[in-house]
Amino acid sequence: MASQMVYASTLRVTFETGVNEKGEPQLKRKLFSNIKTDATAEELLKTAQSLTNLQKHTLTEIARQDTATISA
């Protein structure tokens, strides 16, 4: 049976910074590395919302990216 071990997590917060000449949204991503691998979704949501309060742009997405090893 395979198992996985998460060894790194990154929080990605995406903001809409405006629109281009075609009317398409322009996005800017902020990455925060070295997130605790055992951080809950609720903790990450609160953190991202706190960071949003410091921004002048509109929040469009909060994502978590985990990196893991898979072994047998």
PDB file of N, CA and C in Angstrom:
ATOM      1  N   MET A   1       0.844  -1.178   0.000  1.00  0.00           N
ATOM      2  CA  MET A   1       0.000   0.000   0.000  1.00  0.00           C
ATOM      3  C   MET A   1       0.891   1.245   0.000  1.00  0.00           C
ATOM      4  N   ALA A   2       0.553   2.206  -0.799  1.00  0.00           N
ATOM      5  CA  ALA A   2       1.341   3.434  -0.914  1.00  0.00           C
ATOM      6  C   ALA A   2       0.987   4.406   0.207  1.00  0.00           C
ATOM      7  N   SER A   3       1.974   5.192   0.584  1.00  0.00           N
ATOM      8  CA  SER A   3       1.741   6.246   1.577  1.00  0.00           C
ATOM      9  C   SER A   3       2.435   7.518   1.101  1.00  0.00           C
ATOM     10  N   GLN A   4       1.997   8.623   1.657  1.00  0.00           N
ATOM     11  CA  GLN A   4       2.631   9.891   1.309  1.00  0.00           C
ATOM     12  C   GLN A   4       2.967  10.651   2.570  1.00  0.00           C
ATOM     13  N   MET A   5       4.035  11.457   2.472  1.00  0.00           N
ATOM     14  CA  MET A   5       4.442  12.296   3.590  1.00  0.00           C
ATOM     15  C   MET A   5       4.643  13.714   3.065  1.00  0.00           C
ATOM     16  N   VAL A   6       3.823  14.630   3.550  1.00  0.00           N
ATOM     17  CA  VAL A   6       3.934  16.037   3.154  1.00  0.00           C
ATOM     18  C   VAL A   6       5.127  16.640   3.890  1.00  0.00           C
ATOM     19  N   TYR A   7       6.036  17.262   3.134  1.00  0.00           N
ATOM     20  CA  TYR A   7       7.207  17.861   3.765  1.00  0.00           C
ATOM     21  C   TYR A   7       7.328  19.365   3.533  1.00  0.00           C
ATOM     22  N   ALA A   8       6.451  19.939   2.693  1.00  0.00           N
ATOM     23  CA  ALA A   8       6.487  21.387   2.473  1.00  0.00           C
ATOM     24  C   ALA A   8       5.107  21.869   2.043  1.00  0.00           C
ATOM     25  N   SER A   9       4.742  23.063   2.501  1.00  0.00           N
ATOM     26  CA  SER A   9       3.470  23.672   2.114  1.00  0.00           C
ATOM     27  C   SER A   9       3.698  25.131   1.756  1.00  0.00           C
ATOM     28  N   THR A  10       2.933  25.598   0.772  1.00  0.00           N
ATOM     29  CA  THR A  10       2.992  26.988   0.329  1.00  0.00           C
ATOM     30  C   THR A  10       1.578  27.543   0.280  1.00  0.00           C
ATOM     31  N   LEU A  11       1.400  28.752   0.763  1.00  0.00           N
ATOM     32  CA  LEU A  11       0.122  29.453   0.680  1.00  0.00           C
ATOM     33  C   LEU A  11       0.202  30.410  -0.501  1.00  0.00           C
ATOM     34  N   ARG A  12      -0.770  30.321  -1.417  1.00  0.00           N
ATOM     35  CA  ARG A  12      -0.808  31.199  -2.593  1.00  0.00           C
ATOM     36  C   ARG A  12      -2.067  32.052  -2.520  1.00  0.00           C
ATOM     37  N   VAL A  13      -1.879  33.363  -2.505  1.00  0.00           N
ATOM     38  CA  VAL A  13      -2.989  34.309  -2.442  1.00  0.00           C
ATOM     39  C   VAL A  13      -2.981  35.101  -3.751  1.00  0.00           C
ATOM     40  N   THR A  14      -4.124  35.122  -4.445  1.00  0.00           N
ATOM     41  CA  THR A  14      -4.224  35.783  -5.745  1.00  0.00           C
ATOM     42  C   THR A  14      -5.128  37.003  -5.638  1.00  0.00           C
ATOM     43  N   PHE A  15      -4.657  38.123  -6.199  1.00  0.00           N
ATOM     44  CA  PHE A  15      -5.401  39.374  -6.185  1.00  0.00           C
ATOM     45  C   PHE A  15      -5.662  39.836  -7.612  1.00  0.00           C
ATOM     46  N   GLU A  16      -6.787  40.498  -7.820  1.00  0.00           N
ATOM     47  CA  GLU A  16      -7.065  41.143  -9.104  1.00  0.00           C
ATOM     48  C   GLU A  16      -6.568  42.576  -9.001  1.00  0.00           C
ATOM     49  N   THR A  17      -5.629  42.924  -9.882  1.00  0.00           N
ATOM     50  CA  THR A  17      -4.999  44.245  -9.810  1.00  0.00           C
ATOM     51  C   THR A  17      -5.553  45.226 -10.830  1.00  0.00           C
ATOM     52  N   GLY A  18      -6.491  44.783 -11.655  1.00  0.00           N
ATOM     53  CA  GLY A  18      -7.079  45.643 -12.677  1.00  0.00           C
ATOM     54  C   GLY A  18      -7.492  44.811 -13.875  1.00  0.00           C
ATOM     55  N   VAL A  19      -7.680  45.493 -15.001  1.00  0.00           N
ATOM     56  CA  VAL A  19      -8.034  44.808 -16.245  1.00  0.00           C
ATOM     57  C   VAL A  19      -7.107  45.288 -17.354  1.00  0.00           C
ATOM     58  N   ASN A  20      -6.894  44.425 -18.353  1.00  0.00           N
ATOM     59  CA  ASN A  20      -6.057  44.817 -19.487  1.00  0.00           C
ATOM     60  C   ASN A  20      -6.913  45.487 -20.554  1.00  0.00           C
ATOM     61  N   GLU A  21      -6.294  45.792 -21.696  1.00  0.00           N
ATOM     62  CA  GLU A  21      -7.008  46.501 -22.765  1.00  0.00           C
ATOM     63  C   GLU A  21      -8.139  45.674 -23.372  1.00  0.00           C
ATOM     64  N   LYS A  22      -8.113  44.364 -23.179  1.00  0.00           N
ATOM     65  CA  LYS A  22      -9.186  43.489 -23.669  1.00  0.00           C
ATOM     66  C   LYS A  22     -10.302  43.311 -22.642  1.00  0.00           C
ATOM     67  N   GLY A  23     -10.141  43.921 -21.486  1.00  0.00           N
ATOM     68  CA  GLY A  23     -11.134  43.800 -20.430  1.00  0.00           C
ATOM     69  C   GLY A  23     -10.964  42.559 -19.567  1.00  0.00           C
ATOM     70  N   GLU A  24      -9.856  41.849 -19.747  1.00  0.00           N
ATOM     71  CA  GLU A  24      -9.587  40.647 -18.966  1.00  0.00           C
ATOM     72  C   GLU A  24      -8.925  41.027 -17.644  1.00  0.00           C
ATOM     73  N   PRO A  25      -9.255  40.320 -16.569  1.00  0.00           N
ATOM     74  CA  PRO A  25      -8.656  40.658 -15.278  1.00  0.00           C
ATOM     75  C   PRO A  25      -7.149  40.400 -15.258  1.00  0.00           C
ATOM     76  N   GLN A  26      -6.426  41.290 -14.619  1.00  0.00           N
ATOM     77  CA  GLN A  26      -4.990  41.133 -14.395  1.00  0.00           C
ATOM     78  C   GLN A  26      -4.822  40.606 -12.972  1.00  0.00           C
ATOM     79  N   LEU A  27      -4.084  39.514 -12.836  1.00  0.00           N
ATOM     80  CA  LEU A  27      -3.926  38.875 -11.537  1.00  0.00           C
ATOM     81  C   LEU A  27      -2.486  38.961 -11.062  1.00  0.00           C
ATOM     82  N   LYS A  28      -2.326  39.057  -9.750  1.00  0.00           N
ATOM     83  CA  LYS A  28      -1.006  39.066  -9.119  1.00  0.00           C
ATOM     84  C   LYS A  28      -1.059  38.044  -7.992  1.00  0.00           C
ATOM     85  N   ARG A  29      -0.069  37.164  -7.961  1.00  0.00           N
ATOM     86  CA  ARG A  29      -0.023  36.129  -6.927  1.00  0.00           C
ATOM     87  C   ARG A  29       1.080  36.438  -5.925  1.00  0.00           C
ATOM     88  N   LYS A  30       0.768  36.182  -4.678  1.00  0.00           N
ATOM     89  CA  LYS A  30       1.745  36.283  -3.597  1.00  0.00           C
ATOM     90  C   LYS A  30       1.909  34.874  -3.032  1.00  0.00           C
ATOM     91  N   LEU A  31       3.149  34.430  -2.918  1.00  0.00           N
ATOM     92  CA  LEU A  31       3.439  33.103  -2.392  1.00  0.00           C
ATOM     93  C   LEU A  31       4.108  33.227  -1.033  1.00  0.00           C
ATOM     94  N   PHE A  32       3.669  32.403  -0.108  1.00  0.00           N
ATOM     95  CA  PHE A  32       4.246  32.363   1.231  1.00  0.00           C
ATOM     96  C   PHE A  32       4.722  30.936   1.479  1.00  0.00           C
ATOM     97  N   SER A  33       6.036  30.765   1.518  1.00  0.00           N
ATOM     98  CA  SER A  33       6.638  29.444   1.704  1.00  0.00           C
ATOM     99  C   SER A  33       6.782  29.126   3.184  1.00  0.00           C
ATOM    100  N   ASN A  34       7.191  27.905   3.443  1.00  0.00           N
ATOM    101  CA  ASN A  34       7.473  27.436   4.805  1.00  0.00           C
ATOM    102  C   ASN A  34       6.252  27.492   5.714  1.00  0.00           C
ATOM    103  N   ILE A  35       5.086  27.240   5.135  1.00  0.00           N
ATOM    104  CA  ILE A  35       3.859  27.142   5.927  1.00  0.00           C
ATOM    105  C   ILE A  35       3.909  25.825   6.691  1.00  0.00           C
ATOM    106  N   LYS A  36       3.440  25.809   7.915  1.00  0.00           N
ATOM    107  CA  LYS A  36       3.407  24.567   8.688  1.00  0.00           C
ATOM    108  C   LYS A  36       2.588  23.525   7.934  1.00  0.00           C
ATOM    109  N   THR A  37       3.138  22.339   7.794  1.00  0.00           N
ATOM    110  CA  THR A  37       2.444  21.292   7.042  1.00  0.00           C
ATOM    111  C   THR A  37       1.177  20.822   7.743  1.00  0.00           C
ATOM    112  N   ASP A  38       1.075  21.071   9.042  1.00  0.00           N
ATOM    113  CA  ASP A  38      -0.131  20.666   9.772  1.00  0.00           C
ATOM    114  C   ASP A  38      -1.118  21.823   9.969  1.00  0.00           C
ATOM    115  N   ALA A  39      -0.894  22.943   9.305  1.00  0.00           N
ATOM    116  CA  ALA A  39      -1.828  24.078   9.395  1.00  0.00           C
ATOM    117  C   ALA A  39      -3.176  23.676   8.801  1.00  0.00           C
ATOM    118  N   THR A  40      -4.247  24.066   9.476  1.00  0.00           N
ATOM    119  CA  THR A  40      -5.587  23.716   9.007  1.00  0.00           C
ATOM    120  C   THR A  40      -6.055  24.710   7.948  1.00  0.00           C
ATOM    121  N   ALA A  41      -7.076  24.311   7.214  1.00  0.00           N
ATOM    122  CA  ALA A  41      -7.663  25.196   6.206  1.00  0.00           C
ATOM    123  C   ALA A  41      -8.197  26.464   6.868  1.00  0.00           C
ATOM    124  N   GLU A  42      -8.772  26.334   8.042  1.00  0.00           N
ATOM    125  CA  GLU A  42      -9.309  27.491   8.767  1.00  0.00           C
ATOM    126  C   GLU A  42      -8.193  28.476   9.124  1.00  0.00           C
ATOM    127  N   GLU A  43      -7.060  27.969   9.587  1.00  0.00           N
ATOM    128  CA  GLU A  43      -5.927  28.832   9.928  1.00  0.00           C
ATOM    129  C   GLU A  43      -5.390  29.558   8.696  1.00  0.00           C
ATOM    130  N   LEU A  44      -5.302  28.847   7.586  1.00  0.00           N
ATOM    131  CA  LEU A  44      -4.810  29.468   6.357  1.00  0.00           C
ATOM    132  C   LEU A  44      -5.789  30.507   5.831  1.00  0.00           C
ATOM    133  N   LEU A  45      -7.077  30.239   5.952  1.00  0.00           N
ATOM    134  CA  LEU A  45      -8.093  31.207   5.531  1.00  0.00           C
ATOM    135  C   LEU A  45      -7.981  32.490   6.346  1.00  0.00           C
ATOM    136  N   LYS A  46      -7.873  32.366   7.658  1.00  0.00           N
ATOM    137  CA  LYS A  46      -7.749  33.546   8.522  1.00  0.00           C
ATOM    138  C   LYS A  46      -6.478  34.332   8.200  1.00  0.00           C
ATOM    139  N   THR A  47      -5.391  33.617   7.940  1.00  0.00           N
ATOM    140  CA  THR A  47      -4.133  34.276   7.593  1.00  0.00           C
ATOM    141  C   THR A  47      -4.266  35.050   6.290  1.00  0.00           C
ATOM    142  N   ALA A  48      -4.845  34.409   5.283  1.00  0.00           N
ATOM    143  CA  ALA A  48      -5.020  35.066   3.982  1.00  0.00           C
ATOM    144  C   ALA A  48      -5.941  36.277   4.100  1.00  0.00           C
ATOM    145  N   GLN A  49      -6.992  36.162   4.889  1.00  0.00           N
ATOM    146  CA  GLN A  49      -7.902  37.293   5.076  1.00  0.00           C
ATOM    147  C   GLN A  49      -7.196  38.447   5.778  1.00  0.00           C
ATOM    148  N   SER A  50      -6.336  38.147   6.731  1.00  0.00           N
ATOM    149  CA  SER A  50      -5.571  39.200   7.407  1.00  0.00           C
ATOM    150  C   SER A  50      -4.631  39.898   6.434  1.00  0.00           C
ATOM    151  N   LEU A  51      -3.993  39.121   5.570  1.00  0.00           N
ATOM    152  CA  LEU A  51      -3.112  39.713   4.558  1.00  0.00           C
ATOM    153  C   LEU A  51      -3.896  40.571   3.578  1.00  0.00           C
ATOM    154  N   THR A  52      -5.112  40.150   3.270  1.00  0.00           N
ATOM    155  CA  THR A  52      -5.960  40.898   2.339  1.00  0.00           C
ATOM    156  C   THR A  52      -6.278  42.284   2.882  1.00  0.00           C
ATOM    157  N   ASN A  53      -6.431  42.396   4.187  1.00  0.00           N
ATOM    158  CA  ASN A  53      -6.722  43.694   4.799  1.00  0.00           C
ATOM    159  C   ASN A  53      -5.588  44.696   4.587  1.00  0.00           C
ATOM    160  N   LEU A  54      -4.390  44.206   4.283  1.00  0.00           N
ATOM    161  CA  LEU A  54      -3.244  45.080   4.047  1.00  0.00           C
ATOM    162  C   LEU A  54      -3.077  45.441   2.573  1.00  0.00           C
ATOM    163  N   GLN A  55      -3.901  44.856   1.713  1.00  0.00           N
ATOM    164  CA  GLN A  55      -3.799  45.062   0.268  1.00  0.00           C
ATOM    165  C   GLN A  55      -4.850  46.050  -0.212  1.00  0.00           C
ATOM    166  N   LYS A  56      -4.547  46.719  -1.309  1.00  0.00           N
ATOM    167  CA  LYS A  56      -5.549  47.599  -1.908  1.00  0.00           C
ATOM    168  C   LYS A  56      -6.317  46.891  -3.012  1.00  0.00           C
ATOM    169  N   HIS A  57      -5.862  45.686  -3.401  1.00  0.00           N
ATOM    170  CA  HIS A  57      -6.492  44.943  -4.487  1.00  0.00           C
ATOM    171  C   HIS A  57      -7.490  43.922  -3.949  1.00  0.00           C
ATOM    172  N   THR A  58      -8.355  43.435  -4.847  1.00  0.00           N
ATOM    173  CA  THR A  58      -9.410  42.492  -4.489  1.00  0.00           C
ATOM    174  C   THR A  58      -8.878  41.062  -4.476  1.00  0.00           C
ATOM    175  N   LEU A  59      -9.169  40.339  -3.409  1.00  0.00           N
ATOM    176  CA  LEU A  59      -8.794  38.934  -3.290  1.00  0.00           C
ATOM    177  C   LEU A  59      -9.637  38.097  -4.242  1.00  0.00           C
ATOM    178  N   THR A  60      -8.993  37.217  -5.011  1.00  0.00           N
ATOM    179  CA  THR A  60      -9.741  36.352  -5.927  1.00  0.00           C
ATOM    180  C   THR A  60      -9.577  34.871  -5.616  1.00  0.00           C
ATOM    181  N   GLU A  61      -8.479  34.485  -4.974  1.00  0.00           N
ATOM    182  CA  GLU A  61      -8.280  33.060  -4.698  1.00  0.00           C
ATOM    183  C   GLU A  61      -7.290  32.853  -3.567  1.00  0.00           C
ATOM    184  N   ILE A  62      -7.559  31.821  -2.770  1.00  0.00           N
ATOM    185  CA  ILE A  62      -6.635  31.354  -1.744  1.00  0.00           C
ATOM    186  C   ILE A  62      -6.383  29.885  -2.050  1.00  0.00           C
ATOM    187  N   ALA A  63      -5.113  29.506  -2.146  1.00  0.00           N
ATOM    188  CA  ALA A  63      -4.794  28.114  -2.463  1.00  0.00           C
ATOM    189  C   ALA A  63      -3.628  27.641  -1.604  1.00  0.00           C
ATOM    190  N   ARG A  64      -3.620  26.349  -1.381  1.00  0.00           N
ATOM    191  CA  ARG A  64      -2.529  25.716  -0.655  1.00  0.00           C
ATOM    192  C   ARG A  64      -1.882  24.701  -1.589  1.00  0.00           C
ATOM    193  N   GLN A  65      -0.564  24.707  -1.615  1.00  0.00           N
ATOM    194  CA  GLN A  65       0.161  23.731  -2.425  1.00  0.00           C
ATOM    195  C   GLN A  65       1.066  22.931  -1.498  1.00  0.00           C
ATOM    196  N   ASP A  66       0.818  21.630  -1.442  1.00  0.00           N
ATOM    197  CA  ASP A  66       1.634  20.738  -0.626  1.00  0.00           C
ATOM    198  C   ASP A  66       2.585  19.957  -1.520  1.00  0.00           C
ATOM    199  N   THR A  67       3.780  19.724  -1.015  1.00  0.00           N
ATOM    200  CA  THR A  67       4.752  18.884  -1.696  1.00  0.00           C
ATOM    201  C   THR A  67       4.981  17.666  -0.815  1.00  0.00           C
ATOM    202  N   ALA A  68       4.883  16.494  -1.423  1.00  0.00           N
ATOM    203  CA  ALA A  68       4.973  15.264  -0.645  1.00  0.00           C
ATOM    204  C   ALA A  68       5.804  14.221  -1.375  1.00  0.00           C
ATOM    205  N   THR A  69       6.317  13.287  -0.597  1.00  0.00           N
ATOM    206  CA  THR A  69       6.953  12.111  -1.171  1.00  0.00           C
ATOM    207  C   THR A  69       5.970  10.955  -1.066  1.00  0.00           C
ATOM    208  N   ILE A  70       5.990  10.101  -2.075  1.00  0.00           N
ATOM    209  CA  ILE A  70       5.118   8.926  -2.097  1.00  0.00           C
ATOM    210  C   ILE A  70       6.017   7.700  -2.086  1.00  0.00           C
ATOM    211  N   SER A  71       5.696   6.776  -1.206  1.00  0.00           N
ATOM    212  CA  SER A  71       6.506   5.564  -1.116  1.00  0.00           C
ATOM    213  C   SER A  71       5.613   4.345  -0.935  1.00  0.00           C
ATOM    214  N   ALA A  72       6.212   3.204  -1.168  1.00  0.00           N
ATOM    215  CA  ALA A  72       5.470   1.943  -1.043  1.00  0.00           C
ATOM    216  C   ALA A  72       5.493   1.454   0.386  1.00  0.00           C
TER     217      ALA A  72
END
